[in-house]
Amino acid sequence: MFALILGVALAAGNPTDNSARAHFMACVKGSMDKASAAKIAPEGFAAFAKQACAGEMGSFRADLIAYDIKAGWTRKKAEPDADGQIGDALADWTDRYRDKDSVTASK
């Protein structure tokens, strides 16, 4: 749900082209299969995805910070906001991974 809201908010007002967001989300989504193959527990998925998608996450974070600064925020406020948005996105993907893992285990 959060990812949808984040996507709409960024698409509606973001002066960038959203490619950093798309690359980050695609990387995290791709990490689901890699984590599953490596038998990563759901509790470890966020750390796994952070490591696997470090470059994409850094670009996305930089875009979020630049957007907030352009909107008049200070860097001091923009950095924790970006970290929170990334954390929320990873939590959402962790829930999806947990759900996928429980469906796979029940088959």
C-alpha atoms as a PDB file:
ATOM      1  CA  MET A   1       0.000   0.000   0.000  1.00  0.00           C
ATOM      2  CA  PHE A   2       2.765   2.393   0.957  1.00  0.00           C
ATOM      3  CA  ALA A   3       4.601   1.719  -2.284  1.00  0.00           C
ATOM      4  CA  LEU A   4       1.497   2.753  -4.230  1.00  0.00           C
ATOM      5  CA  ILE A   5       1.132   5.983  -2.250  1.00  0.00           C
ATOM      6  CA  LEU A   6       4.842   6.708  -2.596  1.00  0.00           C
ATOM      7  CA  GLY A   7       4.679   6.068  -6.324  1.00  0.00           C
ATOM      8  CA  VAL A   8       1.696   8.354  -6.832  1.00  0.00           C
ATOM      9  CA  ALA A   9       3.252  11.100  -4.724  1.00  0.00           C
ATOM     10  CA  LEU A  10       6.554  10.919  -6.556  1.00  0.00           C
ATOM     11  CA  ALA A  11       4.962  10.727  -9.977  1.00  0.00           C
ATOM     12  CA  ALA A  12       2.650  13.645  -9.278  1.00  0.00           C
ATOM     13  CA  GLY A  13       5.197  16.133  -8.054  1.00  0.00           C
ATOM     14  CA  ASN A  14       8.660  14.824  -8.650  1.00  0.00           C
ATOM     15  CA  PRO A  15      10.685  16.837 -11.154  1.00  0.00           C
ATOM     16  CA  THR A  16      12.915  13.818 -11.823  1.00  0.00           C
ATOM     17  CA  ASP A  17      12.068  10.981 -14.162  1.00  0.00           C
ATOM     18  CA  ASN A  18      11.549   8.369 -11.380  1.00  0.00           C
ATOM     19  CA  SER A  19      14.055   6.005 -12.952  1.00  0.00           C
ATOM     20  CA  ALA A  20      16.002   5.689  -9.676  1.00  0.00           C
ATOM     21  CA  ARG A  21      12.821   4.643  -7.897  1.00  0.00           C
ATOM     22  CA  ALA A  22      11.939   2.171 -10.634  1.00  0.00           C
ATOM     23  CA  HIS A  23      15.442   0.652 -10.586  1.00  0.00           C
ATOM     24  CA  PHE A  24      15.380   0.327  -6.794  1.00  0.00           C
ATOM     25  CA  MET A  25      11.942  -1.292  -6.750  1.00  0.00           C
ATOM     26  CA  ALA A  26      12.873  -3.654  -9.590  1.00  0.00           C
ATOM     27  CA  CYS A  27      16.045  -4.654  -7.764  1.00  0.00           C
ATOM     28  CA  VAL A  28      14.190  -5.324  -4.504  1.00  0.00           C
ATOM     29  CA  LYS A  29      11.557  -7.318  -6.363  1.00  0.00           C
ATOM     30  CA  GLY A  30      14.289  -9.356  -8.061  1.00  0.00           C
ATOM     31  CA  SER A  31      15.906  -9.930  -4.688  1.00  0.00           C
ATOM     32  CA  MET A  32      12.861 -11.888  -3.589  1.00  0.00           C
ATOM     33  CA  ASP A  33      13.734 -14.841  -5.820  1.00  0.00           C
ATOM     34  CA  LYS A  34      17.428 -14.647  -4.920  1.00  0.00           C
ATOM     35  CA  ALA A  35      16.622 -14.545  -1.202  1.00  0.00           C
ATOM     36  CA  SER A  36      14.229 -17.437  -1.557  1.00  0.00           C
ATOM     37  CA  ALA A  37      16.835 -19.501  -3.411  1.00  0.00           C
ATOM     38  CA  ALA A  38      19.372 -18.682  -0.691  1.00  0.00           C
ATOM     39  CA  LYS A  39      16.781 -19.688   1.940  1.00  0.00           C
ATOM     40  CA  ILE A  40      16.881 -16.292   3.630  1.00  0.00           C
ATOM     41  CA  ALA A  41      14.366 -16.060   6.472  1.00  0.00           C
ATOM     42  CA  PRO A  42      11.775 -13.278   6.149  1.00  0.00           C
ATOM     43  CA  GLU A  43      13.408 -11.488   9.090  1.00  0.00           C
ATOM     44  CA  GLY A  44      16.612 -11.224   7.076  1.00  0.00           C
ATOM     45  CA  PHE A  45      15.088 -10.115   3.792  1.00  0.00           C
ATOM     46  CA  ALA A  46      15.436  -6.344   4.335  1.00  0.00           C
ATOM     47  CA  ALA A  47      19.152  -6.673   5.119  1.00  0.00           C
ATOM     48  CA  PHE A  48      19.602  -8.981   2.115  1.00  0.00           C
ATOM     49  CA  ALA A  49      17.804  -6.528  -0.191  1.00  0.00           C
ATOM     50  CA  LYS A  50      19.766  -3.547   1.189  1.00  0.00           C
ATOM     51  CA  GLN A  51      23.019  -5.307   0.392  1.00  0.00           C
ATOM     52  CA  ALA A  52      21.893  -6.603  -3.000  1.00  0.00           C
ATOM     53  CA  CYS A  53      20.451  -3.231  -4.044  1.00  0.00           C
ATOM     54  CA  ALA A  54      22.892  -0.839  -2.375  1.00  0.00           C
ATOM     55  CA  GLY A  55      23.645   1.097  -5.558  1.00  0.00           C
ATOM     56  CA  GLU A  56      20.006   1.463  -6.585  1.00  0.00           C
ATOM     57  CA  MET A  57      19.016   2.375  -3.041  1.00  0.00           C
ATOM     58  CA  GLY A  58      21.701   5.082  -2.916  1.00  0.00           C
ATOM     59  CA  SER A  59      20.479   6.619  -6.171  1.00  0.00           C
ATOM     60  CA  PHE A  60      16.863   6.519  -5.023  1.00  0.00           C
ATOM     61  CA  ARG A  61      17.794   8.064  -1.665  1.00  0.00           C
ATOM     62  CA  ALA A  62      19.714  10.852  -3.413  1.00  0.00           C
ATOM     63  CA  ASP A  63      16.693  11.578  -5.636  1.00  0.00           C
ATOM     64  CA  LEU A  64      14.351  11.716  -2.631  1.00  0.00           C
ATOM     65  CA  ILE A  65      16.686  14.089  -0.798  1.00  0.00           C
ATOM     66  CA  ALA A  66      17.129  16.305  -3.871  1.00  0.00           C
ATOM     67  CA  TYR A  67      13.362  16.472  -4.331  1.00  0.00           C
ATOM     68  CA  ASP A  68      12.775  17.476  -0.710  1.00  0.00           C
ATOM     69  CA  ILE A  69      15.523  20.110  -0.831  1.00  0.00           C
ATOM     70  CA  LYS A  70      14.063  21.494  -4.042  1.00  0.00           C
ATOM     71  CA  ALA A  71      10.712  21.693  -2.225  1.00  0.00           C
ATOM     72  CA  GLY A  72      12.311  23.868   0.452  1.00  0.00           C
ATOM     73  CA  TRP A  73      13.317  21.288   3.067  1.00  0.00           C
ATOM     74  CA  THR A  74      16.673  21.388   4.780  1.00  0.00           C
ATOM     75  CA  ARG A  75      19.068  18.495   4.226  1.00  0.00           C
ATOM     76  CA  LYS A  76      18.773  17.768   7.954  1.00  0.00           C
ATOM     77  CA  LYS A  77      15.040  17.081   7.486  1.00  0.00           C
ATOM     78  CA  ALA A  78      15.287  15.532   4.017  1.00  0.00           C
ATOM     79  CA  GLU A  79      17.760  12.769   4.880  1.00  0.00           C
ATOM     80  CA  PRO A  80      15.683  11.103   7.625  1.00  0.00           C
ATOM     81  CA  ASP A  81      12.578  11.464   5.456  1.00  0.00           C
ATOM     82  CA  ALA A  82      14.313   9.620   2.607  1.00  0.00           C
ATOM     83  CA  ASP A  83      15.549   6.953   5.003  1.00  0.00           C
ATOM     84  CA  GLY A  84      12.024   6.541   6.354  1.00  0.00           C
ATOM     85  CA  GLN A  85      10.536   6.177   2.892  1.00  0.00           C
ATOM     86  CA  ILE A  86      13.132   3.571   1.951  1.00  0.00           C
ATOM     87  CA  GLY A  87      12.564   1.784   5.250  1.00  0.00           C
ATOM     88  CA  ASP A  88       8.816   1.734   4.631  1.00  0.00           C
ATOM     89  CA  ALA A  89       9.323   0.390   1.116  1.00  0.00           C
ATOM     90  CA  LEU A  90      11.625  -2.356   2.414  1.00  0.00           C
ATOM     91  CA  ALA A  91       9.091  -3.225   5.125  1.00  0.00           C
ATOM     92  CA  ASP A  92       6.408  -3.530   2.444  1.00  0.00           C
ATOM     93  CA  TRP A  93       8.615  -5.813   0.334  1.00  0.00           C
ATOM     94  CA  THR A  94       9.526  -7.824   3.432  1.00  0.00           C
ATOM     95  CA  ASP A  95       5.820  -8.438   4.033  1.00  0.00           C
ATOM     96  CA  ARG A  96       5.455  -9.534   0.408  1.00  0.00           C
ATOM     97  CA  TYR A  97       8.452 -11.849   0.790  1.00  0.00           C
ATOM     98  CA  ARG A  98       6.993 -13.291   3.994  1.00  0.00           C
ATOM     99  CA  ASP A  99       3.646 -13.849   2.260  1.00  0.00           C
ATOM    100  CA  LYS A 100       5.341 -15.435  -0.764  1.00  0.00           C
ATOM    101  CA  ASP A 101       7.447 -17.617   1.524  1.00  0.00           C
ATOM    102  CA  SER A 102       4.400 -18.812   3.467  1.00  0.00           C
ATOM    103  CA  VAL A 103       2.524 -19.622   0.246  1.00  0.00           C
ATOM    104  CA  THR A 104       5.520 -21.544  -1.117  1.00  0.00           C
ATOM    105  CA  ALA A 105       5.936 -23.456   2.155  1.00  0.00           C
ATOM    106  CA  SER A 106       2.282 -24.484   2.212  1.00  0.00           C
ATOM    107  CA  LYS A 107       2.438 -26.082  -1.244  1.00  0.00           C
END
